N, C-alpha and C. Protein backbone atom coordinates (compact mmCIF):
# COMPACT_ATOMS: atom_id res chain seq x y z
N UNK A 1 75.14 114.33 95.56
CA UNK A 1 76.05 113.17 95.66
C UNK A 1 77.49 113.64 95.55
N UNK A 2 78.34 113.22 96.48
CA UNK A 2 79.75 113.61 96.46
C UNK A 2 80.54 112.62 95.62
N UNK A 3 81.23 113.15 94.62
CA UNK A 3 82.03 112.29 93.77
C UNK A 3 83.34 111.93 94.46
N UNK A 4 83.86 110.73 94.22
CA UNK A 4 85.13 110.34 94.83
C UNK A 4 86.26 111.19 94.28
N UNK A 5 87.32 111.40 95.05
CA UNK A 5 88.44 112.20 94.57
C UNK A 5 89.12 111.55 93.38
N UNK A 6 89.65 112.37 92.49
CA UNK A 6 90.35 111.85 91.32
C UNK A 6 91.84 112.15 91.41
N UNK A 7 92.35 112.15 92.61
CA UNK A 7 93.76 112.43 92.81
C UNK A 7 94.59 111.15 92.67
N UNK A 8 95.84 111.35 92.27
CA UNK A 8 96.78 110.25 92.13
C UNK A 8 97.93 110.43 93.11
N UNK A 9 98.29 109.35 93.78
CA UNK A 9 99.44 109.34 94.69
C UNK A 9 100.55 108.49 94.08
N UNK A 10 101.79 108.89 94.34
CA UNK A 10 102.95 108.11 93.91
C UNK A 10 103.78 107.80 95.14
N UNK A 11 104.16 106.54 95.31
CA UNK A 11 104.94 106.12 96.47
C UNK A 11 106.32 105.64 96.03
N UNK A 12 107.35 106.17 96.65
CA UNK A 12 108.71 105.69 96.47
C UNK A 12 109.09 104.91 97.73
N UNK A 13 109.64 103.72 97.54
CA UNK A 13 110.00 102.92 98.70
C UNK A 13 108.86 102.09 99.24
N UNK A 14 107.98 101.63 98.35
CA UNK A 14 106.78 100.90 98.78
C UNK A 14 107.08 99.52 99.34
N UNK A 15 108.30 99.02 99.15
CA UNK A 15 108.64 97.71 99.70
C UNK A 15 109.35 97.81 101.05
N UNK A 16 109.58 99.03 101.51
CA UNK A 16 110.22 99.23 102.81
C UNK A 16 109.22 99.23 103.94
N UNK A 17 109.71 99.42 105.15
CA UNK A 17 108.86 99.32 106.34
C UNK A 17 107.73 100.34 106.33
N UNK A 18 108.07 101.62 106.22
CA UNK A 18 107.04 102.66 106.21
C UNK A 18 106.28 102.65 104.89
N UNK A 19 107.00 102.53 103.78
CA UNK A 19 106.36 102.58 102.47
C UNK A 19 105.32 101.50 102.27
N UNK A 20 105.57 100.30 102.76
CA UNK A 20 104.60 99.21 102.64
C UNK A 20 103.34 99.52 103.44
N UNK A 21 103.53 99.98 104.67
CA UNK A 21 102.37 100.34 105.50
C UNK A 21 101.58 101.48 104.89
N UNK A 22 102.29 102.48 104.38
CA UNK A 22 101.63 103.63 103.77
C UNK A 22 100.84 103.22 102.54
N UNK A 23 101.42 102.38 101.70
CA UNK A 23 100.73 101.96 100.48
C UNK A 23 99.44 101.22 100.80
N UNK A 24 99.46 100.37 101.82
CA UNK A 24 98.23 99.70 102.24
C UNK A 24 97.20 100.71 102.74
N UNK A 25 97.65 101.71 103.48
CA UNK A 25 96.71 102.73 103.96
C UNK A 25 96.13 103.53 102.80
N UNK A 26 96.96 103.85 101.83
CA UNK A 26 96.51 104.65 100.69
C UNK A 26 95.43 103.93 99.88
N UNK A 27 95.64 102.65 99.59
CA UNK A 27 94.66 101.94 98.76
C UNK A 27 93.34 101.72 99.51
N UNK A 28 93.40 101.74 100.83
CA UNK A 28 92.19 101.54 101.62
C UNK A 28 91.53 102.85 102.05
N UNK A 29 92.13 103.97 101.66
CA UNK A 29 91.55 105.27 102.00
C UNK A 29 90.66 105.73 100.85
N UNK A 30 89.95 106.81 101.07
CA UNK A 30 89.10 107.39 100.03
C UNK A 30 89.76 108.63 99.44
N UNK A 31 91.03 108.84 99.76
CA UNK A 31 91.69 110.09 99.37
C UNK A 31 92.17 110.10 97.92
N UNK A 32 92.43 108.91 97.36
CA UNK A 32 93.01 108.84 96.02
C UNK A 32 92.29 107.80 95.18
N UNK A 33 92.16 108.09 93.90
CA UNK A 33 91.55 107.13 92.99
C UNK A 33 92.58 106.18 92.40
N UNK A 34 93.85 106.59 92.45
CA UNK A 34 94.91 105.74 91.92
C UNK A 34 96.17 105.92 92.75
N UNK A 35 96.83 104.81 93.04
CA UNK A 35 98.10 104.84 93.77
C UNK A 35 99.14 104.15 92.90
N UNK A 36 100.16 104.90 92.53
CA UNK A 36 101.26 104.36 91.74
C UNK A 36 102.45 104.10 92.66
N UNK A 37 103.17 103.02 92.40
CA UNK A 37 104.37 102.73 93.17
C UNK A 37 105.53 102.46 92.21
N UNK A 38 106.65 103.10 92.48
CA UNK A 38 107.86 102.84 91.70
C UNK A 38 108.62 101.71 92.38
N UNK A 39 108.78 100.61 91.70
CA UNK A 39 109.44 99.45 92.30
C UNK A 39 110.40 98.80 91.31
N UNK A 40 111.42 98.16 91.86
CA UNK A 40 112.33 97.38 91.03
C UNK A 40 111.88 95.93 90.95
N UNK A 41 111.22 95.47 92.02
CA UNK A 41 110.72 94.10 92.06
C UNK A 41 109.20 94.13 92.27
N UNK A 42 108.48 93.16 91.72
CA UNK A 42 107.01 93.14 91.88
C UNK A 42 106.62 93.06 93.35
N UNK A 43 105.52 93.72 93.70
CA UNK A 43 104.98 93.60 95.04
C UNK A 43 104.38 92.21 95.23
N UNK A 44 104.21 91.82 96.47
CA UNK A 44 103.64 90.50 96.77
C UNK A 44 102.13 90.54 96.90
N UNK A 45 101.53 91.70 96.64
CA UNK A 45 100.09 91.83 96.75
C UNK A 45 99.60 92.81 95.69
N UNK A 46 98.30 92.79 95.42
CA UNK A 46 97.71 93.65 94.41
C UNK A 46 96.44 94.29 94.94
N UNK A 47 96.01 95.34 94.26
CA UNK A 47 94.77 96.04 94.61
C UNK A 47 94.27 96.75 93.36
N UNK A 48 92.96 96.85 93.18
CA UNK A 48 92.42 97.49 91.97
C UNK A 48 92.91 98.92 91.76
N UNK A 49 93.20 99.64 92.84
CA UNK A 49 93.64 101.03 92.70
C UNK A 49 95.16 101.17 92.63
N UNK A 50 95.86 100.06 92.65
CA UNK A 50 97.32 100.08 92.73
C UNK A 50 97.94 99.80 91.37
N UNK A 51 98.86 100.67 90.97
CA UNK A 51 99.59 100.48 89.70
C UNK A 51 101.08 100.40 89.99
N UNK A 52 101.69 99.29 89.62
CA UNK A 52 103.13 99.12 89.78
C UNK A 52 103.85 99.65 88.55
N UNK A 53 104.86 100.46 88.79
CA UNK A 53 105.72 100.95 87.71
C UNK A 53 107.12 100.42 87.97
N UNK A 54 107.56 99.49 87.15
CA UNK A 54 108.88 98.89 87.34
C UNK A 54 109.94 99.82 86.77
N UNK A 55 110.91 100.14 87.63
CA UNK A 55 111.75 101.29 87.35
C UNK A 55 113.10 101.14 88.02
N UNK A 56 114.16 101.49 87.29
CA UNK A 56 115.51 101.54 87.85
C UNK A 56 115.87 103.00 88.09
N UNK A 57 116.09 103.36 89.34
CA UNK A 57 116.36 104.75 89.67
C UNK A 57 117.62 105.28 89.00
N UNK A 58 118.55 104.40 88.68
CA UNK A 58 119.78 104.85 88.03
C UNK A 58 119.58 105.14 86.55
N UNK A 59 118.43 104.75 86.01
CA UNK A 59 118.16 104.96 84.59
C UNK A 59 116.74 105.52 84.42
N UNK A 60 116.53 106.79 84.81
CA UNK A 60 115.18 107.37 84.79
C UNK A 60 114.71 107.86 83.43
N UNK A 61 115.57 107.78 82.41
CA UNK A 61 115.20 108.31 81.10
C UNK A 61 113.92 107.66 80.59
N UNK A 62 113.02 108.50 80.11
CA UNK A 62 111.77 108.02 79.54
C UNK A 62 110.63 107.93 80.52
N UNK A 63 110.93 107.99 81.82
CA UNK A 63 109.86 107.93 82.82
C UNK A 63 109.19 109.29 82.96
N UNK A 64 107.88 109.30 82.96
CA UNK A 64 107.12 110.53 83.19
C UNK A 64 106.39 110.38 84.52
N UNK A 65 106.73 111.23 85.46
CA UNK A 65 106.11 111.19 86.78
C UNK A 65 104.87 112.07 86.77
N UNK A 66 103.70 111.45 86.82
CA UNK A 66 102.45 112.20 86.86
C UNK A 66 101.67 111.78 88.09
N UNK A 67 101.63 112.67 89.07
CA UNK A 67 100.91 112.40 90.31
C UNK A 67 100.63 113.73 90.99
N UNK A 68 99.56 113.76 91.76
CA UNK A 68 99.25 114.96 92.53
C UNK A 68 100.14 115.06 93.76
N UNK A 69 100.27 113.94 94.46
CA UNK A 69 101.04 113.90 95.71
C UNK A 69 102.08 112.79 95.62
N UNK A 70 103.31 113.12 96.00
CA UNK A 70 104.40 112.15 95.99
C UNK A 70 104.83 111.86 97.42
N UNK A 71 104.88 110.58 97.75
CA UNK A 71 105.28 110.14 99.09
C UNK A 71 106.63 109.43 98.96
N UNK A 72 107.65 109.96 99.60
CA UNK A 72 108.98 109.37 99.50
C UNK A 72 109.36 108.69 100.81
N UNK A 73 109.44 107.37 100.76
CA UNK A 73 109.83 106.57 101.92
C UNK A 73 111.14 105.84 101.65
N UNK A 74 111.91 106.35 100.71
CA UNK A 74 113.20 105.75 100.40
C UNK A 74 114.17 105.96 101.55
N UNK A 75 115.02 104.99 101.77
CA UNK A 75 116.03 105.15 102.81
C UNK A 75 116.81 103.87 102.98
N UNK A 76 118.08 104.01 103.29
CA UNK A 76 118.91 102.85 103.54
C UNK A 76 119.78 103.14 104.75
N UNK A 77 120.72 102.30 105.02
CA UNK A 77 121.68 102.50 106.11
C UNK A 77 123.08 102.43 105.51
N UNK A 78 124.04 102.97 106.22
CA UNK A 78 125.41 102.90 105.75
C UNK A 78 125.85 101.45 105.58
N UNK A 79 125.40 100.59 106.49
CA UNK A 79 125.78 99.18 106.42
C UNK A 79 125.23 98.52 105.17
N UNK A 80 123.95 98.76 104.87
CA UNK A 80 123.34 98.16 103.69
C UNK A 80 123.89 98.77 102.41
N UNK A 81 124.11 100.09 102.42
CA UNK A 81 124.59 100.77 101.22
C UNK A 81 126.02 100.36 100.89
N UNK A 82 126.84 100.21 101.91
CA UNK A 82 128.21 99.77 101.69
C UNK A 82 129.23 100.86 101.49
N UNK A 83 128.76 102.07 101.17
CA UNK A 83 129.67 103.20 100.99
C UNK A 83 128.89 104.50 101.14
N UNK A 84 129.61 105.59 101.38
CA UNK A 84 128.96 106.89 101.47
C UNK A 84 128.31 107.27 100.15
N UNK A 85 128.98 106.95 99.06
CA UNK A 85 128.44 107.28 97.74
C UNK A 85 127.12 106.57 97.49
N UNK A 86 127.07 105.29 97.81
CA UNK A 86 125.84 104.52 97.60
C UNK A 86 124.73 105.01 98.51
N UNK A 87 125.07 105.35 99.75
CA UNK A 87 124.07 105.87 100.68
C UNK A 87 123.48 107.18 100.16
N UNK A 88 124.34 108.08 99.71
CA UNK A 88 123.88 109.37 99.22
C UNK A 88 122.99 109.21 97.98
N UNK A 89 123.29 108.22 97.18
CA UNK A 89 122.49 107.98 95.98
C UNK A 89 121.04 107.67 96.35
N UNK A 90 120.85 106.80 97.34
CA UNK A 90 119.50 106.39 97.74
C UNK A 90 118.78 107.48 98.51
N UNK A 91 119.48 108.11 99.43
CA UNK A 91 118.82 109.04 100.36
C UNK A 91 118.82 110.49 99.88
N UNK A 92 119.60 110.79 98.85
CA UNK A 92 119.61 112.16 98.33
C UNK A 92 119.28 112.21 96.84
N UNK A 93 120.06 111.52 96.04
CA UNK A 93 119.90 111.65 94.59
C UNK A 93 118.55 111.15 94.09
N UNK A 94 118.13 109.98 94.54
CA UNK A 94 116.87 109.43 94.05
C UNK A 94 115.67 110.32 94.42
N UNK A 95 115.54 110.75 95.69
CA UNK A 95 114.42 111.64 96.01
C UNK A 95 114.44 112.93 95.21
N UNK A 96 115.63 113.51 95.03
CA UNK A 96 115.72 114.77 94.29
C UNK A 96 115.32 114.57 92.82
N UNK A 97 115.76 113.47 92.23
CA UNK A 97 115.42 113.20 90.83
C UNK A 97 113.92 113.09 90.63
N UNK A 98 113.26 112.31 91.47
CA UNK A 98 111.81 112.13 91.33
C UNK A 98 111.06 113.41 91.68
N UNK A 99 111.54 114.15 92.67
CA UNK A 99 110.89 115.41 93.05
C UNK A 99 110.91 116.40 91.89
N UNK A 100 112.03 116.51 91.21
CA UNK A 100 112.12 117.43 90.07
C UNK A 100 111.20 116.98 88.94
N UNK A 101 111.21 115.70 88.65
CA UNK A 101 110.36 115.18 87.58
C UNK A 101 108.89 115.37 87.91
N UNK A 102 108.53 115.14 89.15
CA UNK A 102 107.14 115.30 89.56
C UNK A 102 106.68 116.74 89.46
N UNK A 103 107.52 117.65 89.91
CA UNK A 103 107.16 119.07 89.88
C UNK A 103 106.98 119.55 88.45
N UNK A 104 107.83 119.09 87.56
CA UNK A 104 107.72 119.45 86.15
C UNK A 104 106.38 119.03 85.56
N UNK A 105 105.84 117.93 86.08
CA UNK A 105 104.58 117.40 85.54
C UNK A 105 103.37 117.69 86.42
N UNK A 106 103.50 118.70 87.30
CA UNK A 106 102.33 119.20 88.00
C UNK A 106 102.07 118.67 89.39
N UNK A 107 103.01 117.95 89.99
CA UNK A 107 102.79 117.47 91.36
C UNK A 107 102.65 118.65 92.31
N UNK A 108 101.76 118.54 93.29
CA UNK A 108 101.48 119.64 94.21
C UNK A 108 102.09 119.44 95.59
N UNK A 109 102.21 118.18 96.01
CA UNK A 109 102.73 117.90 97.35
C UNK A 109 103.85 116.87 97.27
N UNK A 110 104.88 117.10 98.09
CA UNK A 110 105.96 116.13 98.23
C UNK A 110 106.13 115.86 99.71
N UNK A 111 105.94 114.61 100.11
CA UNK A 111 106.04 114.21 101.51
C UNK A 111 107.20 113.23 101.64
N UNK A 112 108.14 113.50 102.54
CA UNK A 112 109.33 112.67 102.65
C UNK A 112 109.68 112.33 104.09
N UNK A 113 110.09 111.10 104.31
CA UNK A 113 110.60 110.67 105.61
C UNK A 113 112.11 110.88 105.61
N UNK A 114 112.61 111.66 106.57
CA UNK A 114 114.06 111.82 106.71
C UNK A 114 114.47 111.19 108.04
N UNK A 115 114.90 111.97 108.99
CA UNK A 115 115.32 111.40 110.26
C UNK A 115 115.44 112.47 111.32
N UNK A 116 115.22 112.10 112.56
CA UNK A 116 115.52 112.98 113.66
C UNK A 116 117.00 113.36 113.58
N UNK A 117 117.31 114.62 113.79
CA UNK A 117 118.70 115.06 113.74
C UNK A 117 119.17 115.48 112.37
N UNK A 118 118.28 115.50 111.37
CA UNK A 118 118.67 115.94 110.03
C UNK A 118 119.20 117.37 110.10
N UNK A 119 120.42 117.58 109.59
CA UNK A 119 121.07 118.89 109.75
C UNK A 119 122.22 118.98 108.75
N UNK A 120 122.19 119.99 107.91
CA UNK A 120 123.25 120.16 106.91
C UNK A 120 124.61 120.41 107.55
N UNK A 121 124.64 120.84 108.80
CA UNK A 121 125.90 121.13 109.48
C UNK A 121 126.33 119.99 110.41
N UNK A 122 125.61 118.89 110.40
CA UNK A 122 125.92 117.80 111.32
C UNK A 122 127.30 117.20 111.02
N UNK A 123 127.98 116.77 112.07
CA UNK A 123 129.26 116.08 111.90
C UNK A 123 129.06 114.62 111.51
N UNK A 124 127.82 114.15 111.61
CA UNK A 124 127.49 112.78 111.22
C UNK A 124 127.02 112.76 109.77
N UNK A 125 127.66 111.96 108.95
CA UNK A 125 127.34 111.92 107.52
C UNK A 125 125.87 111.61 107.28
N UNK A 126 125.33 110.64 108.00
CA UNK A 126 123.93 110.24 107.84
C UNK A 126 123.00 111.43 108.03
N UNK A 127 123.15 112.13 109.15
CA UNK A 127 122.28 113.27 109.44
C UNK A 127 122.52 114.42 108.47
N UNK A 128 123.76 114.57 108.03
CA UNK A 128 124.06 115.66 107.10
C UNK A 128 123.38 115.45 105.75
N UNK A 129 123.40 114.22 105.25
CA UNK A 129 122.73 113.92 103.98
C UNK A 129 121.22 114.15 104.11
N UNK A 130 120.65 113.74 105.24
CA UNK A 130 119.22 113.97 105.46
C UNK A 130 118.91 115.46 105.46
N UNK A 131 119.77 116.25 106.09
CA UNK A 131 119.58 117.69 106.09
C UNK A 131 119.72 118.30 104.71
N UNK A 132 120.64 117.78 103.93
CA UNK A 132 120.85 118.30 102.58
C UNK A 132 119.67 118.03 101.67
N UNK A 133 119.07 116.85 101.79
CA UNK A 133 117.92 116.56 100.94
C UNK A 133 116.73 117.43 101.35
N UNK A 134 116.57 117.67 102.66
CA UNK A 134 115.51 118.58 103.11
C UNK A 134 115.72 119.98 102.53
N UNK A 135 116.94 120.47 102.64
CA UNK A 135 117.26 121.81 102.15
C UNK A 135 117.00 121.94 100.65
N UNK A 136 117.46 120.98 99.88
CA UNK A 136 117.37 121.10 98.43
C UNK A 136 115.96 120.81 97.92
N UNK A 137 115.20 120.00 98.63
CA UNK A 137 113.78 119.85 98.27
C UNK A 137 113.04 121.16 98.49
N UNK A 138 113.37 121.85 99.58
CA UNK A 138 112.72 123.13 99.86
C UNK A 138 113.03 124.15 98.76
N UNK A 139 114.21 124.06 98.17
CA UNK A 139 114.60 125.01 97.13
C UNK A 139 113.82 124.81 95.84
N UNK A 140 113.17 123.66 95.68
CA UNK A 140 112.36 123.41 94.49
C UNK A 140 111.04 124.18 94.52
N UNK A 141 110.66 124.64 95.70
CA UNK A 141 109.43 125.44 95.87
C UNK A 141 108.16 124.67 95.49
N UNK A 142 108.06 123.46 95.98
CA UNK A 142 106.79 122.75 95.87
C UNK A 142 105.70 123.55 96.57
N UNK A 143 104.47 123.54 96.06
CA UNK A 143 103.39 124.21 96.80
C UNK A 143 103.29 123.71 98.24
N UNK A 144 103.52 122.40 98.43
CA UNK A 144 103.50 121.81 99.77
C UNK A 144 104.65 120.82 99.90
N UNK A 145 105.49 121.04 100.92
CA UNK A 145 106.57 120.11 101.25
C UNK A 145 106.39 119.68 102.70
N UNK A 146 106.21 118.39 102.91
CA UNK A 146 105.99 117.84 104.24
C UNK A 146 107.15 116.91 104.59
N UNK A 147 107.78 117.17 105.73
CA UNK A 147 108.96 116.43 106.15
C UNK A 147 108.68 115.75 107.49
N UNK A 148 109.02 114.47 107.57
CA UNK A 148 108.77 113.69 108.78
C UNK A 148 110.11 113.18 109.31
N UNK A 149 110.39 113.48 110.58
CA UNK A 149 111.68 113.15 111.17
C UNK A 149 111.53 112.17 112.34
N UNK A 150 111.31 110.90 112.04
CA UNK A 150 111.14 109.93 113.13
C UNK A 150 112.45 109.60 113.83
N UNK A 151 112.32 109.17 115.07
CA UNK A 151 113.43 108.59 115.81
C UNK A 151 113.57 107.14 115.36
N UNK A 152 114.07 106.27 116.22
CA UNK A 152 114.17 104.85 115.90
C UNK A 152 112.80 104.29 115.53
N UNK A 153 112.74 103.56 114.42
CA UNK A 153 111.47 103.01 113.95
C UNK A 153 111.23 101.62 114.50
N UNK A 154 109.99 101.40 114.94
CA UNK A 154 109.56 100.09 115.41
C UNK A 154 108.64 99.47 114.36
N UNK A 155 108.83 98.19 114.10
CA UNK A 155 107.98 97.52 113.13
C UNK A 155 108.56 96.17 112.75
N UNK A 156 107.75 95.35 112.12
CA UNK A 156 108.16 93.99 111.78
C UNK A 156 108.79 93.95 110.40
N UNK A 157 110.10 94.05 110.36
CA UNK A 157 110.81 94.01 109.08
C UNK A 157 110.83 92.61 108.49
N UNK A 158 110.67 91.60 109.33
CA UNK A 158 110.69 90.22 108.83
C UNK A 158 109.57 89.97 107.84
N UNK A 159 108.43 90.65 108.02
CA UNK A 159 107.30 90.48 107.11
C UNK A 159 107.65 90.96 105.71
N UNK A 160 108.66 91.83 105.61
CA UNK A 160 109.05 92.38 104.32
C UNK A 160 110.24 91.65 103.73
N UNK A 161 110.63 90.55 104.37
CA UNK A 161 111.78 89.82 103.88
C UNK A 161 113.07 90.26 104.52
N UNK A 162 112.99 91.14 105.51
CA UNK A 162 114.18 91.57 106.23
C UNK A 162 114.61 90.50 107.21
N UNK A 163 115.83 90.65 107.75
CA UNK A 163 116.32 89.60 108.63
C UNK A 163 115.77 89.70 110.05
N UNK A 164 115.42 90.92 110.48
CA UNK A 164 114.84 91.10 111.82
C UNK A 164 115.63 90.30 112.86
N UNK A 165 116.94 90.53 112.91
CA UNK A 165 117.84 89.77 113.76
C UNK A 165 117.46 89.88 115.23
N UNK A 166 117.93 88.87 115.98
CA UNK A 166 117.64 88.80 117.41
C UNK A 166 118.05 90.07 118.12
N UNK A 167 119.23 90.59 117.80
CA UNK A 167 119.70 91.81 118.44
C UNK A 167 118.77 92.97 118.21
N UNK A 168 118.24 93.09 116.98
CA UNK A 168 117.32 94.17 116.66
C UNK A 168 116.00 94.00 117.41
N UNK A 169 115.53 92.75 117.52
CA UNK A 169 114.28 92.50 118.22
C UNK A 169 114.42 92.82 119.71
N UNK A 170 115.58 92.46 120.27
CA UNK A 170 115.82 92.77 121.68
C UNK A 170 115.90 94.27 121.90
N UNK A 171 116.53 94.98 120.96
CA UNK A 171 116.65 96.44 121.08
C UNK A 171 115.26 97.08 121.03
N UNK A 172 114.41 96.59 120.13
CA UNK A 172 113.05 97.12 120.04
C UNK A 172 112.29 96.87 121.33
N UNK A 173 112.44 95.66 121.88
CA UNK A 173 111.77 95.35 123.13
C UNK A 173 112.22 96.26 124.26
N UNK A 174 113.51 96.53 124.31
CA UNK A 174 114.04 97.42 125.35
C UNK A 174 113.49 98.83 125.18
N UNK A 175 113.42 99.30 123.93
CA UNK A 175 112.90 100.65 123.69
C UNK A 175 111.44 100.76 124.11
N UNK A 176 110.67 99.71 123.89
CA UNK A 176 109.26 99.75 124.30
C UNK A 176 109.14 99.82 125.82
N UNK A 177 109.99 99.07 126.51
CA UNK A 177 109.95 99.07 127.97
C UNK A 177 110.40 100.41 128.55
N UNK A 178 111.38 101.03 127.92
CA UNK A 178 111.94 102.28 128.43
C UNK A 178 111.18 103.51 127.97
N UNK A 179 110.21 103.32 127.08
CA UNK A 179 109.50 104.45 126.50
C UNK A 179 108.99 105.46 127.52
N UNK A 180 108.39 105.04 128.64
CA UNK A 180 107.88 106.02 129.61
C UNK A 180 108.98 106.88 130.23
N UNK A 181 110.22 106.43 130.16
CA UNK A 181 111.32 107.15 130.80
C UNK A 181 112.08 108.05 129.84
N UNK A 182 111.76 107.96 128.56
CA UNK A 182 112.49 108.70 127.53
C UNK A 182 111.67 109.91 127.08
N UNK A 183 112.29 111.10 126.93
CA UNK A 183 111.56 112.26 126.42
C UNK A 183 110.89 111.93 125.08
N UNK A 184 109.71 112.48 124.86
CA UNK A 184 108.90 112.12 123.68
C UNK A 184 109.66 112.25 122.37
N UNK A 185 110.48 113.28 122.25
CA UNK A 185 111.19 113.51 120.99
C UNK A 185 112.14 112.37 120.65
N UNK A 186 112.64 111.68 121.67
CA UNK A 186 113.64 110.63 121.45
C UNK A 186 113.07 109.22 121.54
N UNK A 187 111.79 109.12 121.82
CA UNK A 187 111.17 107.80 121.92
C UNK A 187 111.11 107.13 120.55
N UNK A 188 111.30 105.82 120.54
CA UNK A 188 111.09 105.07 119.30
C UNK A 188 109.63 105.22 118.87
N UNK A 189 109.41 105.25 117.57
CA UNK A 189 108.06 105.48 117.05
C UNK A 189 107.66 104.33 116.14
N UNK A 190 106.40 103.91 116.26
CA UNK A 190 105.89 102.84 115.40
C UNK A 190 105.86 103.31 113.95
N UNK A 191 106.37 102.48 113.05
CA UNK A 191 106.38 102.83 111.63
C UNK A 191 104.97 103.11 111.12
N UNK A 192 103.99 102.40 111.66
CA UNK A 192 102.61 102.61 111.23
C UNK A 192 102.12 104.01 111.56
N UNK A 193 102.63 104.59 112.66
CA UNK A 193 102.26 105.96 113.01
C UNK A 193 102.82 106.95 112.00
N UNK A 194 104.03 106.68 111.54
CA UNK A 194 104.62 107.57 110.53
C UNK A 194 103.81 107.51 109.24
N UNK A 195 103.43 106.30 108.84
CA UNK A 195 102.61 106.14 107.64
C UNK A 195 101.28 106.86 107.78
N UNK A 196 100.65 106.72 108.94
CA UNK A 196 99.37 107.39 109.20
C UNK A 196 99.54 108.90 109.16
N UNK A 197 100.64 109.39 109.72
CA UNK A 197 100.91 110.83 109.71
C UNK A 197 101.04 111.34 108.28
N UNK A 198 101.70 110.59 107.44
CA UNK A 198 101.89 111.01 106.05
C UNK A 198 100.56 111.12 105.32
N UNK A 199 99.72 110.09 105.46
CA UNK A 199 98.42 110.13 104.80
C UNK A 199 97.54 111.24 105.36
N UNK A 200 97.51 111.36 106.68
CA UNK A 200 96.62 112.33 107.32
C UNK A 200 97.01 113.76 106.99
N UNK A 201 98.28 114.08 107.11
CA UNK A 201 98.70 115.48 106.94
C UNK A 201 98.66 115.94 105.49
N UNK A 202 98.77 115.03 104.54
CA UNK A 202 98.66 115.44 103.14
C UNK A 202 97.23 115.80 102.77
N UNK A 203 96.28 115.48 103.63
CA UNK A 203 94.88 115.82 103.36
C UNK A 203 94.44 117.09 104.10
N UNK A 204 95.35 117.77 104.75
CA UNK A 204 94.99 118.94 105.56
C UNK A 204 95.04 120.27 104.80
N UNK A 205 95.48 120.24 103.57
CA UNK A 205 95.54 121.48 102.81
C UNK A 205 96.66 122.40 103.24
N UNK A 206 97.72 121.85 103.79
CA UNK A 206 98.86 122.66 104.22
C UNK A 206 99.60 123.22 103.00
N UNK A 207 100.24 124.36 103.18
CA UNK A 207 101.05 124.94 102.11
C UNK A 207 102.42 125.29 102.65
N UNK A 208 103.38 125.42 101.74
CA UNK A 208 104.73 125.71 102.17
C UNK A 208 105.39 124.48 102.78
N UNK A 209 106.41 124.72 103.58
CA UNK A 209 107.18 123.64 104.21
C UNK A 209 106.72 123.42 105.64
N UNK A 210 106.44 122.17 105.99
CA UNK A 210 106.06 121.81 107.36
C UNK A 210 106.90 120.61 107.79
N UNK A 211 107.48 120.71 108.98
CA UNK A 211 108.31 119.63 109.52
C UNK A 211 107.61 119.00 110.72
N UNK A 212 107.52 117.68 110.73
CA UNK A 212 106.93 116.94 111.84
C UNK A 212 108.04 116.18 112.56
N UNK A 213 108.37 116.64 113.77
CA UNK A 213 109.39 115.96 114.55
C UNK A 213 108.82 114.67 115.13
N UNK A 214 109.71 113.85 115.68
CA UNK A 214 109.31 112.52 116.13
C UNK A 214 108.24 112.55 117.21
N UNK A 215 108.31 113.54 118.12
CA UNK A 215 107.29 113.60 119.17
C UNK A 215 105.92 113.89 118.61
N UNK A 216 105.85 114.69 117.53
CA UNK A 216 104.56 114.96 116.89
C UNK A 216 104.01 113.71 116.22
N UNK A 217 104.89 112.87 115.70
CA UNK A 217 104.45 111.64 115.03
C UNK A 217 103.83 110.65 115.99
N UNK A 218 104.21 110.73 117.26
CA UNK A 218 103.66 109.81 118.26
C UNK A 218 102.15 109.97 118.42
N UNK A 219 101.62 111.12 118.03
CA UNK A 219 100.19 111.40 118.24
C UNK A 219 99.29 110.73 117.21
N UNK A 220 99.86 110.18 116.14
CA UNK A 220 99.03 109.62 115.08
C UNK A 220 98.73 108.14 115.31
């Protein structure tokens, strides 16, 4: 008789587009016996394998991160953040803080969504911060570091309480229509595919650093 796995997963950004989809996939998979989510607000749903940890990222004192695999789906936009400092806090400081805490307590894998074009030398602040978090996560020497670089994400943000404005919906529709004409690396990718890629690749026994570009994510 095969015993179920006793691994624990931790999700950052479980209320976002990818994080929400990933969390649902995790609780319905057989890969983990417990899924923890760090959240500031309660989730709108529950599951026997799901544990909510209410947490303010700006005040991590006292939190002990204990998980085998950490999935980071944190991310904002310059518009939502309101400043470069606030953007860097969400997309760089928070992932680095949790990654260090997790590694100290025995985490083996760190999987993070960044962005196509992530580059420490980029002239674009957004891409530069994404590149910096990739670089500095690699310097922590996790046994396994998995990086996912999607292009424009497709998905229903309205279900998560987002505004899903008309302009955004029209842009998504246009991207779907133009998809056959756009090189695979630059095609918009379904958020659910990114979530599936994260769950699938963390079960492959990969070691070291592996980067999945947007065209690779299309296959999931």
